[in-house]
């Protein structure tokens, strides 16, 4: 029996934390949600996450700051960034820094599946 991949969704937007897990479960993933980067760190979720969908702009620690902190700690988690701000320069920088993908909201199911395939 194959273990299902664990995906952590880190986003301060409640509607994203409610809708995205259902979609991810339909793709065959187990999902944990966090409303902030700090909550993700406090839970030690980097220890059990096979991948992360991470919002860029959040109050407190931002998505890129969390990504850098995990890298600094040696706890890299394959990360798909999501953002409502279409900024190709930022997207390019995040990809260069090691992100799996950076999707612009709203993104489609297929677009997300392609990004998730890189985590598998």
C-alpha atoms as a PDB file:
ATOM      1  CA  UNK A   1       0.000   0.000   0.000  1.00  0.00           C
ATOM      2  CA  UNK A   2       1.424   3.370  -1.040  1.00  0.00           C
ATOM      3  CA  UNK A   3       1.509   6.191   1.477  1.00  0.00           C
ATOM      4  CA  UNK A   4      -0.382   9.284   0.317  1.00  0.00           C
ATOM      5  CA  UNK A   5       1.728  12.422  -0.018  1.00  0.00           C
ATOM      6  CA  UNK A   6       1.185  15.069   2.648  1.00  0.00           C
ATOM      7  CA  UNK A   7       0.631  18.582   1.302  1.00  0.00           C
ATOM      8  CA  UNK A   8       0.583  21.605   3.592  1.00  0.00           C
ATOM      9  CA  UNK A   9      -1.440  24.624   2.507  1.00  0.00           C
ATOM     10  CA  UNK A  10      -0.182  27.826   4.141  1.00  0.00           C
ATOM     11  CA  UNK A  11      -2.448  30.778   3.322  1.00  0.00           C
ATOM     12  CA  UNK A  12      -4.034  33.516   5.410  1.00  0.00           C
ATOM     13  CA  UNK A  13      -7.123  33.495   3.156  1.00  0.00           C
ATOM     14  CA  UNK A  14      -9.777  31.316   4.804  1.00  0.00           C
ATOM     15  CA  UNK A  15     -11.573  30.643   1.508  1.00  0.00           C
ATOM     16  CA  UNK A  16      -8.365  29.158   0.060  1.00  0.00           C
ATOM     17  CA  UNK A  17      -7.842  27.013   3.177  1.00  0.00           C
ATOM     18  CA  UNK A  18     -11.405  25.723   2.829  1.00  0.00           C
ATOM     19  CA  UNK A  19     -11.550  25.083  -0.941  1.00  0.00           C
ATOM     20  CA  UNK A  20      -8.051  23.934  -1.853  1.00  0.00           C
ATOM     21  CA  UNK A  21      -7.896  20.900   0.497  1.00  0.00           C
ATOM     22  CA  UNK A  22     -10.957  19.310  -1.151  1.00  0.00           C
ATOM     23  CA  UNK A  23      -9.336  19.651  -4.564  1.00  0.00           C
ATOM     24  CA  UNK A  24      -6.019  18.284  -3.299  1.00  0.00           C
ATOM     25  CA  UNK A  25      -7.751  15.307  -1.668  1.00  0.00           C
ATOM     26  CA  UNK A  26      -9.515  14.585  -4.987  1.00  0.00           C
ATOM     27  CA  UNK A  27      -6.009  14.433  -6.529  1.00  0.00           C
ATOM     28  CA  UNK A  28      -5.023  11.801  -3.924  1.00  0.00           C
ATOM     29  CA  UNK A  29      -3.146  13.881  -1.354  1.00  0.00           C
ATOM     30  CA  UNK A  30      -3.547  14.203   2.403  1.00  0.00           C
ATOM     31  CA  UNK A  31      -3.760  17.863   3.413  1.00  0.00           C
ATOM     32  CA  UNK A  32      -2.940  20.017   6.419  1.00  0.00           C
ATOM     33  CA  UNK A  33      -3.797  23.729   6.469  1.00  0.00           C
ATOM     34  CA  UNK A  34      -2.152  26.609   8.290  1.00  0.00           C
ATOM     35  CA  UNK A  35      -3.271  30.232   8.463  1.00  0.00           C
ATOM     36  CA  UNK A  36       0.261  31.605   8.786  1.00  0.00           C
ATOM     37  CA  UNK A  37       3.907  30.780   8.270  1.00  0.00           C
ATOM     38  CA  UNK A  38       4.361  30.942  12.025  1.00  0.00           C
ATOM     39  CA  UNK A  39       1.630  28.317  12.567  1.00  0.00           C
ATOM     40  CA  UNK A  40       3.356  26.032  10.053  1.00  0.00           C
ATOM     41  CA  UNK A  41       6.685  26.400  11.881  1.00  0.00           C
ATOM     42  CA  UNK A  42       5.115  26.012  15.334  1.00  0.00           C
ATOM     43  CA  UNK A  43       3.446  22.754  14.265  1.00  0.00           C
ATOM     44  CA  UNK A  44       6.757  21.425  12.943  1.00  0.00           C
ATOM     45  CA  UNK A  45       4.915  20.652   9.712  1.00  0.00           C
ATOM     46  CA  UNK A  46       8.141  20.687   7.711  1.00  0.00           C
ATOM     47  CA  UNK A  47       8.871  17.292   9.299  1.00  0.00           C
ATOM     48  CA  UNK A  48       5.827  15.592   7.732  1.00  0.00           C
ATOM     49  CA  UNK A  49       5.121  17.680   4.613  1.00  0.00           C
ATOM     50  CA  UNK A  50       6.028  16.176   1.256  1.00  0.00           C
ATOM     51  CA  UNK A  51       5.102  19.465  -0.394  1.00  0.00           C
ATOM     52  CA  UNK A  52       3.707  22.872   0.400  1.00  0.00           C
ATOM     53  CA  UNK A  53       1.388  25.330  -1.304  1.00  0.00           C
ATOM     54  CA  UNK A  54       2.469  28.665   0.092  1.00  0.00           C
ATOM     55  CA  UNK A  55       0.901  32.095  -0.270  1.00  0.00           C
ATOM     56  CA  UNK A  56       3.417  34.845  -0.934  1.00  0.00           C
ATOM     57  CA  UNK A  57       1.766  37.797   0.837  1.00  0.00           C
ATOM     58  CA  UNK A  58       0.713  37.054   4.413  1.00  0.00           C
ATOM     59  CA  UNK A  59       0.755  39.150   7.590  1.00  0.00           C
ATOM     60  CA  UNK A  60       3.784  38.484   9.767  1.00  0.00           C
ATOM     61  CA  UNK A  61       6.238  36.158   8.065  1.00  0.00           C
ATOM     62  CA  UNK A  62       5.694  36.119   4.297  1.00  0.00           C
ATOM     63  CA  UNK A  63       5.811  33.015   2.136  1.00  0.00           C
ATOM     64  CA  UNK A  64       9.274  33.799   0.724  1.00  0.00           C
ATOM     65  CA  UNK A  65      10.538  34.455   4.271  1.00  0.00           C
ATOM     66  CA  UNK A  66       9.236  31.050   5.409  1.00  0.00           C
ATOM     67  CA  UNK A  67      10.859  29.406   2.374  1.00  0.00           C
ATOM     68  CA  UNK A  68      14.203  31.035   3.227  1.00  0.00           C
ATOM     69  CA  UNK A  69      13.884  30.086   6.901  1.00  0.00           C
ATOM     70  CA  UNK A  70      13.248  26.441   6.039  1.00  0.00           C
ATOM     71  CA  UNK A  71      16.252  26.476   3.703  1.00  0.00           C
ATOM     72  CA  UNK A  72      18.391  28.042   6.430  1.00  0.00           C
ATOM     73  CA  UNK A  73      17.323  25.285   8.838  1.00  0.00           C
ATOM     74  CA  UNK A  74      17.976  22.548   6.296  1.00  0.00           C
ATOM     75  CA  UNK A  75      14.275  21.637   6.199  1.00  0.00           C
ATOM     76  CA  UNK A  76      13.443  22.331   2.580  1.00  0.00           C
ATOM     77  CA  UNK A  77       9.946  21.352   1.510  1.00  0.00           C
ATOM     78  CA  UNK A  78       9.093  21.305  -2.222  1.00  0.00           C
ATOM     79  CA  UNK A  79       7.083  24.506  -2.562  1.00  0.00           C
ATOM     80  CA  UNK A  80       4.461  25.808  -4.953  1.00  0.00           C
ATOM     81  CA  UNK A  81       3.971  29.504  -4.327  1.00  0.00           C
ATOM     82  CA  UNK A  82       0.596  31.115  -5.014  1.00  0.00           C
ATOM     83  CA  UNK A  83      -0.135  34.799  -5.309  1.00  0.00           C
ATOM     84  CA  UNK A  84      -2.810  37.224  -6.454  1.00  0.00           C
ATOM     85  CA  UNK A  85      -0.111  39.675  -7.606  1.00  0.00           C
ATOM     86  CA  UNK A  86       1.077  38.982 -11.156  1.00  0.00           C
ATOM     87  CA  UNK A  87       4.767  39.766 -10.778  1.00  0.00           C
ATOM     88  CA  UNK A  88       6.940  37.875 -13.281  1.00  0.00           C
ATOM     89  CA  UNK A  89      10.146  39.237 -11.727  1.00  0.00           C
ATOM     90  CA  UNK A  90       9.207  37.823  -8.319  1.00  0.00           C
ATOM     91  CA  UNK A  91       8.079  34.551  -9.927  1.00  0.00           C
ATOM     92  CA  UNK A  92      11.412  34.207 -11.723  1.00  0.00           C
ATOM     93  CA  UNK A  93      13.343  34.921  -8.520  1.00  0.00           C
ATOM     94  CA  UNK A  94      11.354  32.352  -6.513  1.00  0.00           C
ATOM     95  CA  UNK A  95      11.876  29.705  -9.197  1.00  0.00           C
ATOM     96  CA  UNK A  96      15.597  30.506  -9.282  1.00  0.00           C
ATOM     97  CA  UNK A  97      15.692  30.118  -5.468  1.00  0.00           C
ATOM     98  CA  UNK A  98      14.274  26.595  -5.770  1.00  0.00           C
ATOM     99  CA  UNK A  99      10.478  26.847  -5.822  1.00  0.00           C
ATOM    100  CA  UNK A 100       8.699  24.088  -7.745  1.00  0.00           C
ATOM    101  CA  UNK A 101       6.287  26.620  -9.271  1.00  0.00           C
ATOM    102  CA  UNK A 102       4.661  29.998  -8.705  1.00  0.00           C
ATOM    103  CA  UNK A 103       0.997  30.137  -9.715  1.00  0.00           C
ATOM    104  CA  UNK A 104      -1.057  33.283 -10.090  1.00  0.00           C
ATOM    105  CA  UNK A 105      -4.510  33.275  -8.465  1.00  0.00           C
ATOM    106  CA  UNK A 106      -6.956  32.271  -9.717  1.00  0.00           C
ATOM    107  CA  UNK A 107      -5.279  29.179 -11.131  1.00  0.00           C
ATOM    108  CA  UNK A 108      -6.924  26.183 -12.748  1.00  0.00           C
ATOM    109  CA  UNK A 109      -7.070  22.567 -11.602  1.00  0.00           C
ATOM    110  CA  UNK A 110      -4.841  21.425 -14.477  1.00  0.00           C
ATOM    111  CA  UNK A 111      -2.241  24.086 -13.743  1.00  0.00           C
ATOM    112  CA  UNK A 112      -2.123  22.934 -10.122  1.00  0.00           C
ATOM    113  CA  UNK A 113      -1.908  19.253 -11.099  1.00  0.00           C
ATOM    114  CA  UNK A 114       1.081  19.944 -13.350  1.00  0.00           C
ATOM    115  CA  UNK A 115       2.844  21.754 -10.502  1.00  0.00           C
ATOM    116  CA  UNK A 116       2.008  18.969  -8.047  1.00  0.00           C
ATOM    117  CA  UNK A 117       3.412  16.353 -10.437  1.00  0.00           C
ATOM    118  CA  UNK A 118       6.830  17.919  -9.854  1.00  0.00           C
ATOM    119  CA  UNK A 119       6.490  17.071  -6.155  1.00  0.00           C
ATOM    120  CA  UNK A 120       5.652  13.410  -6.807  1.00  0.00           C
END
